[in-house]
Amino acid sequence: MKQRIISGVIAAVLFVLLLWAGGWYYSAFLAALALVGFWEFVKLNGQSWLRADVLIGFASVAILALPEFPFDWDMPSFKVMAWLLMFVLMTGTVFSKNRIQLEHVSVLFLGVIYVGIGFHYMAVTREMEHGILWSVLTFFCIWASDAGAYFVGKAIGRTKLWPAISPNKTIEGAIGGLIIAMITAGIFAYCRPELLTYGQAALIGLAAAVAGQLGDLVQSAYKRFRGVKDSGNLLPGHGGVLDRTDSWLIVFPLVHLLGLLPH
């Protein structure tokens, strides 16, 4: 427990400092986390990182995770990058004479999109006007949902949410997490009414709670399918990058795709 607390505090302080600094400090940090997360994803699927298609996956994640290309290059659209990645990976099955199998590249493609785009939108959020506010708001809503679901579930949880995937989660806890996330977002609206209305805050809290809990369930289901407890061991007592960011990877893209963050 002591090691878990120490590693958690150090990681939290580092994360807050880099989020506050913003710019390429934060973006580079997120890109590094994305690469570690993709490595965990590759390892979960029993693939060797020395294969050419896996190395292409790493390069793709590194590019996608950035808010924009360095040196004033134009960032290609996600549609172009996704198609090029798909094409390169599928031609790899041809040139390797099926030593690289279609199942392998399909999983890699999924991992690149899941990890790369998730971290990309975290970086993009920080680059927005008032980006530190929108980043902190989104993170706080995710964490409030997690904490609310845990404590409300412990206190009054009776009905299992999805016992085959995550036996400790309850419907009461999920509802509690949703309400607390929306209250948390409402506090931000109260503090900064010139930037955020209560209606916008409620939608952000709702999206963060629902998508965050689904992201957690997705990762739990995947780990259960692969027969592992944690995706990695980067932080002693906390698991790997994917264990810590499973909700983030779903929530940040969603709030952007739904246009919930004010510009």
C-alpha atoms as a PDB file:
ATOM      1  CA  MET A   1       0.000   0.000   0.000  1.00  0.00           C
ATOM      2  CA  LYS A   2       2.842   2.411   0.868  1.00  0.00           C
ATOM      3  CA  GLN A   3       4.472   1.845  -2.533  1.00  0.00           C
ATOM      4  CA  ARG A   4       1.107   2.365  -4.250  1.00  0.00           C
ATOM      5  CA  ILE A   5       0.547   5.685  -2.467  1.00  0.00           C
ATOM      6  CA  ILE A   6       4.073   6.979  -3.155  1.00  0.00           C
ATOM      7  CA  SER A   7       4.030   6.058  -6.852  1.00  0.00           C
ATOM      8  CA  GLY A   8       0.527   7.515  -7.201  1.00  0.00           C
ATOM      9  CA  VAL A   9       1.480  10.840  -5.602  1.00  0.00           C
ATOM     10  CA  ILE A  10       4.639  11.185  -7.716  1.00  0.00           C
ATOM     11  CA  ALA A  11       2.731  10.407 -10.917  1.00  0.00           C
ATOM     12  CA  ALA A  12      -0.070  12.834  -9.990  1.00  0.00           C
ATOM     13  CA  VAL A  13       2.340  15.695  -9.231  1.00  0.00           C
ATOM     14  CA  LEU A  14       4.233  15.126 -12.500  1.00  0.00           C
ATOM     15  CA  PHE A  15       0.994  15.007 -14.468  1.00  0.00           C
ATOM     16  CA  VAL A  16      -0.374  18.222 -12.910  1.00  0.00           C
ATOM     17  CA  LEU A  17       2.883  20.101 -13.533  1.00  0.00           C
ATOM     18  CA  LEU A  18       3.005  19.074 -17.181  1.00  0.00           C
ATOM     19  CA  LEU A  19      -0.688  19.838 -17.699  1.00  0.00           C
ATOM     20  CA  TRP A  20      -0.119  23.279 -16.223  1.00  0.00           C
ATOM     21  CA  ALA A  21       2.969  23.859 -18.414  1.00  0.00           C
ATOM     22  CA  GLY A  22       1.087  22.805 -21.533  1.00  0.00           C
ATOM     23  CA  GLY A  23       2.660  23.178 -24.978  1.00  0.00           C
ATOM     24  CA  TRP A  24       5.118  20.567 -26.135  1.00  0.00           C
ATOM     25  CA  TYR A  25       5.928  19.551 -22.556  1.00  0.00           C
ATOM     26  CA  TYR A  26       2.423  18.179 -22.106  1.00  0.00           C
ATOM     27  CA  SER A  27       2.043  16.959 -25.691  1.00  0.00           C
ATOM     28  CA  ALA A  28       5.338  15.053 -25.591  1.00  0.00           C
ATOM     29  CA  PHE A  29       4.357  13.517 -22.272  1.00  0.00           C
ATOM     30  CA  LEU A  30       1.026  12.349 -23.703  1.00  0.00           C
ATOM     31  CA  ALA A  31       2.764  10.959 -26.794  1.00  0.00           C
ATOM     32  CA  ALA A  32       5.134   9.003 -24.552  1.00  0.00           C
ATOM     33  CA  LEU A  33       2.186   7.624 -22.575  1.00  0.00           C
ATOM     34  CA  ALA A  34       0.497   6.688 -25.848  1.00  0.00           C
ATOM     35  CA  LEU A  35       3.541   4.700 -26.966  1.00  0.00           C
ATOM     36  CA  VAL A  36       3.690   2.859 -23.644  1.00  0.00           C
ATOM     37  CA  GLY A  37      -0.063   2.228 -23.857  1.00  0.00           C
ATOM     38  CA  PHE A  38       0.267   0.821 -27.368  1.00  0.00           C
ATOM     39  CA  TRP A  39       3.143  -1.393 -26.219  1.00  0.00           C
ATOM     40  CA  GLU A  40       0.860  -2.745 -23.480  1.00  0.00           C
ATOM     41  CA  PHE A  41      -1.847  -3.330 -26.092  1.00  0.00           C
ATOM     42  CA  VAL A  42       0.596  -5.242 -28.308  1.00  0.00           C
ATOM     43  CA  LYS A  43       1.792  -7.300 -25.357  1.00  0.00           C
ATOM     44  CA  LEU A  44      -1.784  -8.071 -24.269  1.00  0.00           C
ATOM     45  CA  ASN A  45      -2.349  -9.572 -27.700  1.00  0.00           C
ATOM     46  CA  GLY A  46       0.793 -11.704 -27.562  1.00  0.00           C
ATOM     47  CA  GLN A  47       2.497  -9.964 -30.479  1.00  0.00           C
ATOM     48  CA  SER A  48       6.210  -9.247 -30.805  1.00  0.00           C
ATOM     49  CA  TRP A  49       7.073  -5.564 -31.043  1.00  0.00           C
ATOM     50  CA  LEU A  50       9.977  -6.381 -33.413  1.00  0.00           C
ATOM     51  CA  ARG A  51       7.679  -7.135 -36.366  1.00  0.00           C
ATOM     52  CA  ALA A  52       7.507  -4.544 -39.144  1.00  0.00           C
ATOM     53  CA  ASP A  53       3.737  -4.101 -38.859  1.00  0.00           C
ATOM     54  CA  VAL A  54       3.988  -3.508 -35.107  1.00  0.00           C
ATOM     55  CA  LEU A  55       6.730  -0.899 -35.616  1.00  0.00           C
ATOM     56  CA  ILE A  56       4.486   0.833 -38.163  1.00  0.00           C
ATOM     57  CA  GLY A  57       1.794   0.806 -35.482  1.00  0.00           C
ATOM     58  CA  PHE A  58       4.129   2.506 -33.008  1.00  0.00           C
ATOM     59  CA  ALA A  59       5.012   5.189 -35.551  1.00  0.00           C
ATOM     60  CA  SER A  60       1.328   5.771 -36.308  1.00  0.00           C
ATOM     61  CA  VAL A  61       0.454   6.123 -32.625  1.00  0.00           C
ATOM     62  CA  ALA A  62       3.283   8.622 -32.115  1.00  0.00           C
ATOM     63  CA  ILE A  63       1.943  10.751 -34.991  1.00  0.00           C
ATOM     64  CA  LEU A  64      -1.730  10.506 -34.045  1.00  0.00           C
ATOM     65  CA  ALA A  65      -1.092  11.320 -30.389  1.00  0.00           C
ATOM     66  CA  LEU A  66       0.321  14.754 -31.196  1.00  0.00           C
ATOM     67  CA  PRO A  67      -2.017  17.755 -31.445  1.00  0.00           C
ATOM     68  CA  GLU A  68      -0.246  18.686 -34.692  1.00  0.00           C
ATOM     69  CA  PHE A  69       2.918  17.866 -36.607  1.00  0.00           C
ATOM     70  CA  PRO A  70       6.122  19.602 -35.491  1.00  0.00           C
ATOM     71  CA  PHE A  71       7.963  22.032 -37.767  1.00  0.00           C
ATOM     72  CA  ASP A  72       4.732  23.549 -39.128  1.00  0.00           C
ATOM     73  CA  TRP A  73       3.829  20.467 -41.174  1.00  0.00           C
ATOM     74  CA  ASP A  74       0.158  20.008 -41.919  1.00  0.00           C
ATOM     75  CA  MET A  75      -1.526  17.182 -40.045  1.00  0.00           C
ATOM     76  CA  PRO A  76      -3.309  14.891 -42.517  1.00  0.00           C
ATOM     77  CA  SER A  77      -6.933  14.206 -41.753  1.00  0.00           C
ATOM     78  CA  PHE A  78      -7.778  11.180 -39.665  1.00  0.00           C
ATOM     79  CA  LYS A  79      -9.538   9.675 -42.665  1.00  0.00           C
ATOM     80  CA  VAL A  80      -6.371   9.866 -44.765  1.00  0.00           C
ATOM     81  CA  MET A  81      -4.142   8.543 -41.986  1.00  0.00           C
ATOM     82  CA  ALA A  82      -6.542   5.711 -41.134  1.00  0.00           C
ATOM     83  CA  TRP A  83      -6.785   4.651 -44.782  1.00  0.00           C
ATOM     84  CA  LEU A  84      -3.010   4.786 -45.313  1.00  0.00           C
ATOM     85  CA  LEU A  85      -2.415   2.768 -42.152  1.00  0.00           C
ATOM     86  CA  MET A  86      -4.991   0.188 -43.212  1.00  0.00           C
ATOM     87  CA  PHE A  87      -3.426  -0.061 -46.675  1.00  0.00           C
ATOM     88  CA  VAL A  88       0.136  -0.435 -45.378  1.00  0.00           C
ATOM     89  CA  LEU A  89      -0.835  -3.043 -42.791  1.00  0.00           C
ATOM     90  CA  MET A  90      -2.860  -5.105 -45.261  1.00  0.00           C
ATOM     91  CA  THR A  91      -0.123  -5.047 -47.903  1.00  0.00           C
ATOM     92  CA  GLY A  92       2.193  -6.323 -45.172  1.00  0.00           C
ATOM     93  CA  THR A  93       0.241  -9.578 -45.215  1.00  0.00           C
ATOM     94  CA  VAL A  94       1.070  -9.887 -48.919  1.00  0.00           C
ATOM     95  CA  PHE A  95       4.773  -9.063 -48.751  1.00  0.00           C
ATOM     96  CA  SER A  96       5.276 -11.316 -45.724  1.00  0.00           C
ATOM     97  CA  LYS A  97       3.506 -14.145 -47.561  1.00  0.00           C
ATOM     98  CA  ASN A  98       0.975 -14.339 -44.725  1.00  0.00           C
ATOM     99  CA  ARG A  99       3.573 -14.664 -41.971  1.00  0.00           C
ATOM    100  CA  ILE A 100       1.883 -11.441 -40.850  1.00  0.00           C
ATOM    101  CA  GLN A 101      -1.739 -12.520 -40.702  1.00  0.00           C
ATOM    102  CA  LEU A 102      -4.877 -10.501 -41.282  1.00  0.00           C
ATOM    103  CA  GLU A 103      -5.949 -11.088 -37.667  1.00  0.00           C
ATOM    104  CA  HIS A 104      -2.679  -9.549 -36.467  1.00  0.00           C
ATOM    105  CA  VAL A 105      -2.982  -6.353 -38.505  1.00  0.00           C
ATOM    106  CA  SER A 106      -6.686  -5.986 -37.669  1.00  0.00           C
ATOM    107  CA  VAL A 107      -5.897  -5.941 -33.966  1.00  0.00           C
ATOM    108  CA  LEU A 108      -3.008  -3.518 -34.520  1.00  0.00           C
ATOM    109  CA  PHE A 109      -5.235  -1.166 -36.503  1.00  0.00           C
ATOM    110  CA  LEU A 110      -7.783  -1.178 -33.682  1.00  0.00           C
ATOM    111  CA  GLY A 111      -5.048  -0.462 -31.127  1.00  0.00           C
ATOM    112  CA  VAL A 112      -3.618   2.457 -33.109  1.00  0.00           C
ATOM    113  CA  ILE A 113      -7.027   4.132 -33.421  1.00  0.00           C
ATOM    114  CA  TYR A 114      -8.012   3.418 -29.810  1.00  0.00           C
ATOM    115  CA  VAL A 115      -4.789   4.661 -28.233  1.00  0.00           C
ATOM    116  CA  GLY A 116      -3.589   7.242 -30.756  1.00  0.00           C
ATOM    117  CA  ILE A 117      -6.827   9.184 -31.194  1.00  0.00           C
ATOM    118  CA  GLY A 118      -7.621   9.031 -27.484  1.00  0.00           C
ATOM    119  CA  PHE A 119      -4.361  10.733 -26.548  1.00  0.00           C
ATOM    120  CA  HIS A 120      -4.627  13.081 -29.534  1.00  0.00           C
ATOM    121  CA  TYR A 121      -7.814  14.622 -28.187  1.00  0.00           C
ATOM    122  CA  MET A 122      -6.285  15.019 -24.727  1.00  0.00           C
ATOM    123  CA  ALA A 123      -3.501  17.070 -26.330  1.00  0.00           C
ATOM    124  CA  VAL A 124      -5.945  19.008 -28.523  1.00  0.00           C
ATOM    125  CA  THR A 125      -8.047  19.923 -25.481  1.00  0.00           C
ATOM    126  CA  ARG A 126      -5.049  21.532 -23.784  1.00  0.00           C
ATOM    127  CA  GLU A 127      -4.216  23.502 -26.941  1.00  0.00           C
ATOM    128  CA  MET A 128      -7.678  25.117 -27.081  1.00  0.00           C
ATOM    129  CA  GLU A 129      -8.370  28.607 -25.809  1.00  0.00           C
ATOM    130  CA  HIS A 130      -8.871  28.174 -22.044  1.00  0.00           C
ATOM    131  CA  GLY A 131      -7.484  24.681 -22.654  1.00  0.00           C
ATOM    132  CA  ILE A 132      -6.316  24.135 -19.111  1.00  0.00           C
ATOM    133  CA  LEU A 133      -9.870  24.802 -17.862  1.00  0.00           C
ATOM    134  CA  TRP A 134     -11.435  22.355 -20.350  1.00  0.00           C
ATOM    135  CA  SER A 135      -8.785  19.734 -19.609  1.00  0.00           C
ATOM    136  CA  VAL A 136      -9.232  20.015 -15.851  1.00  0.00           C
ATOM    137  CA  LEU A 137     -13.027  20.042 -16.217  1.00  0.00           C
ATOM    138  CA  THR A 138     -13.000  16.840 -18.285  1.00  0.00           C
ATOM    139  CA  PHE A 139     -10.540  15.067 -16.014  1.00  0.00           C
ATOM    140  CA  PHE A 140     -12.433  16.101 -12.885  1.00  0.00           C
ATOM    141  CA  CYS A 141     -15.711  14.822 -14.333  1.00  0.00           C
ATOM    142  CA  ILE A 142     -14.072  11.471 -15.139  1.00  0.00           C
ATOM    143  CA  TRP A 143     -12.504  11.193 -11.695  1.00  0.00           C
ATOM    144  CA  ALA A 144     -15.697  12.331  -9.960  1.00  0.00           C
ATOM    145  CA  SER A 145     -17.620   9.633 -11.818  1.00  0.00           C
ATOM    146  CA  ASP A 146     -15.062   6.993 -10.819  1.00  0.00           C
ATOM    147  CA  ALA A 147     -14.996   8.071  -7.173  1.00  0.00           C
ATOM    148  CA  GLY A 148     -18.768   8.481  -7.011  1.00  0.00           C
ATOM    149  CA  ALA A 149     -19.405   5.058  -8.530  1.00  0.00           C
ATOM    150  CA  TYR A 150     -16.982   3.467  -6.061  1.00  0.00           C
ATOM    151  CA  PHE A 151     -18.222   5.111  -2.863  1.00  0.00           C
ATOM    152  CA  VAL A 152     -21.933   5.063  -3.707  1.00  0.00           C
ATOM    153  CA  GLY A 153     -21.594   1.447  -4.822  1.00  0.00           C
ATOM    154  CA  LYS A 154     -19.879   0.561  -1.551  1.00  0.00           C
ATOM    155  CA  ALA A 155     -22.541   2.339   0.486  1.00  0.00           C
ATOM    156  CA  ILE A 156     -25.788   1.310  -1.185  1.00  0.00           C
ATOM    157  CA  GLY A 157     -24.888  -0.815  -4.192  1.00  0.00           C
ATOM    158  CA  ARG A 158     -27.014  -3.956  -4.452  1.00  0.00           C
ATOM    159  CA  THR A 159     -27.710  -4.574  -8.144  1.00  0.00           C
ATOM    160  CA  LYS A 160     -24.762  -5.799 -10.182  1.00  0.00           C
ATOM    161  CA  LEU A 161     -24.101  -3.746 -13.300  1.00  0.00           C
ATOM    162  CA  TRP A 162     -22.279  -6.367 -15.371  1.00  0.00           C
ATOM    163  CA  PRO A 163     -20.997  -9.181 -13.148  1.00  0.00           C
ATOM    164  CA  ALA A 164     -19.505 -11.223 -16.000  1.00  0.00           C
ATOM    165  CA  ILE A 165     -17.104  -8.372 -16.800  1.00  0.00           C
ATOM    166  CA  SER A 166     -16.666  -6.384 -13.587  1.00  0.00           C
ATOM    167  CA  PRO A 167     -18.270  -8.119 -10.591  1.00  0.00           C
ATOM    168  CA  ASN A 168     -17.813  -5.214  -8.166  1.00  0.00           C
ATOM    169  CA  LYS A 169     -19.637  -2.565 -10.188  1.00  0.00           C
ATOM    170  CA  THR A 170     -23.278  -1.845  -9.380  1.00  0.00           C
ATOM    171  CA  ILE A 171     -26.116   0.036 -11.063  1.00  0.00           C
ATOM    172  CA  GLU A 172     -26.523   2.204  -7.963  1.00  0.00           C
ATOM    173  CA  GLY A 173     -22.835   3.075  -8.095  1.00  0.00           C
ATOM    174  CA  ALA A 174     -23.015   3.923 -11.804  1.00  0.00           C
ATOM    175  CA  ILE A 175     -25.969   6.263 -11.199  1.00  0.00           C
ATOM    176  CA  GLY A 176     -24.173   7.836  -8.234  1.00  0.00           C
ATOM    177  CA  GLY A 177     -21.079   8.405 -10.345  1.00  0.00           C
ATOM    178  CA  LEU A 178     -23.166  10.047 -13.059  1.00  0.00           C
ATOM    179  CA  ILE A 179     -24.863  12.416 -10.609  1.00  0.00           C
ATOM    180  CA  ILE A 180     -21.590  13.396  -8.920  1.00  0.00           C
ATOM    181  CA  ALA A 181     -19.906  13.997 -12.290  1.00  0.00           C
ATOM    182  CA  MET A 182     -22.749  16.327 -13.291  1.00  0.00           C
ATOM    183  CA  ILE A 183     -22.553  18.158  -9.947  1.00  0.00           C
ATOM    184  CA  THR A 184     -18.794  18.539 -10.425  1.00  0.00           C
ATOM    185  CA  ALA A 185     -19.312  20.022 -13.888  1.00  0.00           C
ATOM    186  CA  GLY A 186     -21.960  22.332 -12.415  1.00  0.00           C
ATOM    187  CA  ILE A 187     -19.400  23.683  -9.938  1.00  0.00           C
ATOM    188  CA  PHE A 188     -17.163  24.638 -12.874  1.00  0.00           C
ATOM    189  CA  ALA A 189     -20.125  26.442 -14.483  1.00  0.00           C
ATOM    190  CA  TYR A 190     -20.778  28.276 -11.207  1.00  0.00           C
ATOM    191  CA  CYS A 191     -17.122  29.371 -11.015  1.00  0.00           C
ATOM    192  CA  ARG A 192     -16.806  30.385 -14.692  1.00  0.00           C
ATOM    193  CA  PRO A 193     -20.325  31.339 -15.887  1.00  0.00           C
ATOM    194  CA  GLU A 194     -18.902  33.539 -18.646  1.00  0.00           C
ATOM    195  CA  LEU A 195     -17.363  30.451 -20.289  1.00  0.00           C
ATOM    196  CA  LEU A 196     -19.682  27.595 -19.373  1.00  0.00           C
ATOM    197  CA  THR A 197     -23.464  27.376 -18.943  1.00  0.00           C
ATOM    198  CA  TYR A 198     -25.130  24.923 -16.588  1.00  0.00           C
ATOM    199  CA  GLY A 199     -26.664  23.131 -19.557  1.00  0.00           C
ATOM    200  CA  GLN A 200     -23.268  22.658 -21.215  1.00  0.00           C
ATOM    201  CA  ALA A 201     -21.786  21.527 -17.924  1.00  0.00           C
ATOM    202  CA  ALA A 202     -24.550  18.978 -17.387  1.00  0.00           C
ATOM    203  CA  LEU A 203     -23.962  17.471 -20.835  1.00  0.00           C
ATOM    204  CA  ILE A 204     -20.194  17.286 -20.292  1.00  0.00           C
ATOM    205  CA  GLY A 205     -20.684  15.612 -16.910  1.00  0.00           C
ATOM    206  CA  LEU A 206     -23.204  13.194 -18.394  1.00  0.00           C
ATOM    207  CA  ALA A 207     -20.938  12.287 -21.325  1.00  0.00           C
ATOM    208  CA  ALA A 208     -17.885  11.904 -19.091  1.00  0.00           C
ATOM    209  CA  ALA A 209     -19.722   9.616 -16.671  1.00  0.00           C
ATOM    210  CA  VAL A 210     -21.422   7.388 -19.236  1.00  0.00           C
ATOM    211  CA  ALA A 211     -18.512   7.149 -21.678  1.00  0.00           C
ATOM    212  CA  GLY A 212     -15.956   6.892 -18.874  1.00  0.00           C
ATOM    213  CA  GLN A 213     -17.726   3.969 -17.234  1.00  0.00           C
ATOM    214  CA  LEU A 214     -18.135   2.282 -20.620  1.00  0.00           C
ATOM    215  CA  GLY A 215     -14.431   2.804 -21.320  1.00  0.00           C
ATOM    216  CA  ASP A 216     -13.609   1.156 -18.012  1.00  0.00           C
ATOM    217  CA  LEU A 217     -15.902  -1.782 -18.829  1.00  0.00           C
ATOM    218  CA  VAL A 218     -14.364  -2.154 -22.298  1.00  0.00           C
ATOM    219  CA  GLN A 219     -10.883  -2.453 -20.827  1.00  0.00           C
ATOM    220  CA  SER A 220     -12.115  -4.829 -18.099  1.00  0.00           C
ATOM    221  CA  ALA A 221     -13.781  -7.042 -20.692  1.00  0.00           C
ATOM    222  CA  TYR A 222     -10.674  -7.082 -22.840  1.00  0.00           C
ATOM    223  CA  LYS A 223      -8.360  -7.977 -19.956  1.00  0.00           C
ATOM    224  CA  ARG A 224     -10.757 -10.677 -18.792  1.00  0.00           C
ATOM    225  CA  PHE A 225     -10.829 -12.086 -22.342  1.00  0.00           C
ATOM    226  CA  ARG A 226      -7.013 -12.143 -22.405  1.00  0.00           C
ATOM    227  CA  GLY A 227      -6.795 -13.585 -18.899  1.00  0.00           C
ATOM    228  CA  VAL A 228      -4.745 -10.778 -17.303  1.00  0.00           C
ATOM    229  CA  LYS A 229      -5.368  -8.562 -14.281  1.00  0.00           C
ATOM    230  CA  ASP A 230      -3.480  -5.452 -15.420  1.00  0.00           C
ATOM    231  CA  SER A 231      -2.374  -4.173 -18.819  1.00  0.00           C
ATOM    232  CA  GLY A 232       1.114  -3.428 -17.462  1.00  0.00           C
ATOM    233  CA  ASN A 233       3.120  -2.498 -14.387  1.00  0.00           C
ATOM    234  CA  LEU A 234       4.399   1.006 -15.130  1.00  0.00           C
ATOM    235  CA  LEU A 235       3.201   2.295 -11.745  1.00  0.00           C
ATOM    236  CA  PRO A 236       3.638  -0.117  -8.826  1.00  0.00           C
ATOM    237  CA  GLY A 237       0.211  -0.942  -7.419  1.00  0.00           C
ATOM    238  CA  HIS A 238      -1.629   0.950 -10.161  1.00  0.00           C
ATOM    239  CA  GLY A 239      -1.154  -1.243 -13.214  1.00  0.00           C
ATOM    240  CA  GLY A 240      -0.265   0.055 -16.647  1.00  0.00           C
ATOM    241  CA  VAL A 241      -1.057   3.091 -18.763  1.00  0.00           C
ATOM    242  CA  LEU A 242      -4.183   1.528 -20.248  1.00  0.00           C
ATOM    243  CA  ASP A 243      -5.445   0.665 -16.754  1.00  0.00           C
ATOM    244  CA  ARG A 244      -5.175   4.312 -15.704  1.00  0.00           C
ATOM    245  CA  THR A 245      -6.403   5.935 -18.916  1.00  0.00           C
ATOM    246  CA  ASP A 246      -9.156   3.584 -20.129  1.00  0.00           C
ATOM    247  CA  SER A 247     -11.848   6.191 -19.395  1.00  0.00           C
ATOM    248  CA  TRP A 248      -9.783   9.081 -20.773  1.00  0.00           C
ATOM    249  CA  LEU A 249      -9.316   7.356 -24.124  1.00  0.00           C
ATOM    250  CA  ILE A 250     -13.074   7.269 -24.685  1.00  0.00           C
ATOM    251  CA  VAL A 251     -14.251  10.469 -22.991  1.00  0.00           C
ATOM    252  CA  PHE A 252     -11.916  13.020 -24.606  1.00  0.00           C
ATOM    253  CA  PRO A 253     -12.682  12.036 -28.225  1.00  0.00           C
ATOM    254  CA  LEU A 254     -16.396  11.839 -27.445  1.00  0.00           C
ATOM    255  CA  VAL A 255     -16.755  15.324 -25.937  1.00  0.00           C
ATOM    256  CA  HIS A 256     -15.018  16.725 -29.027  1.00  0.00           C
ATOM    257  CA  LEU A 257     -17.034  14.682 -31.516  1.00  0.00           C
ATOM    258  CA  LEU A 258     -20.238  15.823 -29.787  1.00  0.00           C
ATOM    259  CA  GLY A 259     -19.016  19.428 -29.748  1.00  0.00           C
ATOM    260  CA  LEU A 260     -19.530  19.752 -25.997  1.00  0.00           C
ATOM    261  CA  LEU A 261     -16.431  21.786 -25.154  1.00  0.00           C
ATOM    262  CA  PRO A 262     -16.997  25.512 -25.796  1.00  0.00           C
ATOM    263  CA  HIS A 263     -14.613  27.167 -28.276  1.00  0.00           C
END
